[in-house]
Amino acid sequence: MKNLPHPEQSDAEHVSIYEFMTYKNNLDQTVFLVDSLRTIGYDVVIVNQPTYPENLVQQNPPIIDGGADYIERNAMAHVALYQALK
């Protein structure tokens, strides 16, 4: 299934999660947080919880924002992911 775009975001505004995780250091240089964490020995897991239709058979179903879904469902998705990564 194709990921649906966020209703308030156009393709022109799209930034990858990796690109979004940056900050400016004290020398005003852009630093990629993922690279910094990997350099000091951390594993980095980026989880994208995309938008998806609530019902695949319904015409024009409500769209669920996966990142704003029920906390219990998101927690269980994370538990399953981390167990699979062991």
C-alpha atoms as a PDB file:
ATOM      1  CA  MET A   1       0.000   0.000   0.000  1.00  0.00           C
ATOM      2  CA  LYS A   2       1.290   3.450  -0.898  1.00  0.00           C
ATOM      3  CA  ASN A   3       1.875   5.862   1.992  1.00  0.00           C
ATOM      4  CA  LEU A   4      -0.550   8.747   1.870  1.00  0.00           C
ATOM      5  CA  PRO A   5       0.903  12.255   2.185  1.00  0.00           C
ATOM      6  CA  HIS A   6       0.140  14.232   5.281  1.00  0.00           C
ATOM      7  CA  PRO A   7      -2.909  16.375   4.458  1.00  0.00           C
ATOM      8  CA  GLU A   8      -1.048  19.595   5.281  1.00  0.00           C
ATOM      9  CA  GLN A   9       2.191  18.764   3.448  1.00  0.00           C
ATOM     10  CA  SER A  10       2.910  18.998  -0.260  1.00  0.00           C
ATOM     11  CA  ASP A  11       5.566  16.968  -2.060  1.00  0.00           C
ATOM     12  CA  ALA A  12       7.574  20.198  -2.476  1.00  0.00           C
ATOM     13  CA  GLU A  13       7.808  20.523   1.321  1.00  0.00           C
ATOM     14  CA  HIS A  14       8.864  16.893   1.850  1.00  0.00           C
ATOM     15  CA  VAL A  15      11.978  16.372   3.937  1.00  0.00           C
ATOM     16  CA  SER A  16      13.166  12.914   4.883  1.00  0.00           C
ATOM     17  CA  ILE A  17      13.248  11.985   8.539  1.00  0.00           C
ATOM     18  CA  TYR A  18      17.043  11.739   8.308  1.00  0.00           C
ATOM     19  CA  GLU A  19      17.271  15.259   6.848  1.00  0.00           C
ATOM     20  CA  PHE A  20      14.829  16.586   9.431  1.00  0.00           C
ATOM     21  CA  MET A  21      17.074  15.429  12.299  1.00  0.00           C
ATOM     22  CA  THR A  22      19.638  18.232  12.089  1.00  0.00           C
ATOM     23  CA  TYR A  23      20.759  21.089  14.277  1.00  0.00           C
ATOM     24  CA  LYS A  24      23.125  24.044  14.049  1.00  0.00           C
ATOM     25  CA  ASN A  25      26.256  23.846  16.168  1.00  0.00           C
ATOM     26  CA  ASN A  26      27.981  26.824  17.786  1.00  0.00           C
ATOM     27  CA  LEU A  27      29.854  27.479  14.500  1.00  0.00           C
ATOM     28  CA  ASP A  28      26.499  27.734  12.653  1.00  0.00           C
ATOM     29  CA  GLN A  29      27.222  24.492  10.793  1.00  0.00           C
ATOM     30  CA  THR A  30      24.427  22.027  10.067  1.00  0.00           C
ATOM     31  CA  VAL A  31      25.045  18.770  11.928  1.00  0.00           C
ATOM     32  CA  PHE A  32      23.181  15.552  11.164  1.00  0.00           C
ATOM     33  CA  LEU A  33      22.111  14.097  14.504  1.00  0.00           C
ATOM     34  CA  VAL A  34      22.005  10.512  13.185  1.00  0.00           C
ATOM     35  CA  ASP A  35      25.620  10.721  12.020  1.00  0.00           C
ATOM     36  CA  SER A  36      26.713  12.241  15.338  1.00  0.00           C
ATOM     37  CA  LEU A  37      25.037   9.461  17.321  1.00  0.00           C
ATOM     38  CA  ARG A  38      26.517   6.728  15.104  1.00  0.00           C
ATOM     39  CA  THR A  39      29.990   8.253  15.432  1.00  0.00           C
ATOM     40  CA  ILE A  40      29.873   7.932  19.222  1.00  0.00           C
ATOM     41  CA  GLY A  41      28.660   4.339  19.047  1.00  0.00           C
ATOM     42  CA  TYR A  42      24.868   4.459  19.215  1.00  0.00           C
ATOM     43  CA  ASP A  43      22.567   2.456  16.975  1.00  0.00           C
ATOM     44  CA  VAL A  44      19.869   4.660  15.487  1.00  0.00           C
ATOM     45  CA  VAL A  45      16.403   3.363  14.652  1.00  0.00           C
ATOM     46  CA  ILE A  46      14.125   5.791  12.832  1.00  0.00           C
ATOM     47  CA  VAL A  47      10.466   4.859  12.888  1.00  0.00           C
ATOM     48  CA  ASN A  48       8.066   6.461  10.448  1.00  0.00           C
ATOM     49  CA  GLN A  49       4.437   5.949  11.365  1.00  0.00           C
ATOM     50  CA  PRO A  50       2.715   6.984   8.145  1.00  0.00           C
ATOM     51  CA  THR A  51      -0.809   8.112   7.496  1.00  0.00           C
ATOM     52  CA  TYR A  52      -3.170   5.387   6.303  1.00  0.00           C
ATOM     53  CA  PRO A  53      -6.872   4.889   5.586  1.00  0.00           C
ATOM     54  CA  GLU A  54      -8.908   3.623   8.530  1.00  0.00           C
ATOM     55  CA  ASN A  55     -10.800   1.191   6.322  1.00  0.00           C
ATOM     56  CA  LEU A  56      -9.502  -0.176   3.008  1.00  0.00           C
ATOM     57  CA  VAL A  57     -12.919  -1.114   1.604  1.00  0.00           C
ATOM     58  CA  GLN A  58     -14.830   2.060   2.503  1.00  0.00           C
ATOM     59  CA  GLN A  59     -15.131   4.842  -0.082  1.00  0.00           C
ATOM     60  CA  ASN A  60     -13.233   7.938   1.206  1.00  0.00           C
ATOM     61  CA  PRO A  61     -12.394   6.491   4.636  1.00  0.00           C
ATOM     62  CA  PRO A  62     -11.070   8.694   7.434  1.00  0.00           C
ATOM     63  CA  ILE A  63      -7.298   9.032   7.332  1.00  0.00           C
ATOM     64  CA  ILE A  64      -5.369   7.978  10.438  1.00  0.00           C
ATOM     65  CA  ASP A  65      -2.177   9.865  11.275  1.00  0.00           C
ATOM     66  CA  GLY A  66      -0.030   6.940  12.437  1.00  0.00           C
ATOM     67  CA  GLY A  67       2.151   9.102  14.664  1.00  0.00           C
ATOM     68  CA  ALA A  68      -0.936  10.430  16.438  1.00  0.00           C
ATOM     69  CA  ASP A  69      -2.685   7.048  16.671  1.00  0.00           C
ATOM     70  CA  TYR A  70      -3.603   5.402  19.979  1.00  0.00           C
ATOM     71  CA  ILE A  71      -0.534   5.344  22.208  1.00  0.00           C
ATOM     72  CA  GLU A  72      -1.130   1.682  23.075  1.00  0.00           C
ATOM     73  CA  ARG A  73      -1.149   0.663  19.398  1.00  0.00           C
ATOM     74  CA  ASN A  74       1.999   2.673  18.690  1.00  0.00           C
ATOM     75  CA  ALA A  75       3.686   1.184  21.769  1.00  0.00           C
ATOM     76  CA  MET A  76       2.895  -2.356  20.629  1.00  0.00           C
ATOM     77  CA  ALA A  77       4.256  -1.564  17.157  1.00  0.00           C
ATOM     78  CA  HIS A  78       7.504  -0.382  18.781  1.00  0.00           C
ATOM     79  CA  VAL A  79       7.713  -3.469  21.002  1.00  0.00           C
ATOM     80  CA  ALA A  80       7.318  -5.723  17.955  1.00  0.00           C
ATOM     81  CA  LEU A  81       9.944  -3.748  16.032  1.00  0.00           C
ATOM     82  CA  TYR A  82      12.535  -3.866  18.820  1.00  0.00           C
ATOM     83  CA  GLN A  83      11.943  -7.586  19.375  1.00  0.00           C
ATOM     84  CA  ALA A  84      12.540  -8.178  15.668  1.00  0.00           C
ATOM     85  CA  LEU A  85      15.777  -6.154  15.813  1.00  0.00           C
ATOM     86  CA  LYS A  86      17.338  -8.242  18.612  1.00  0.00           C
END
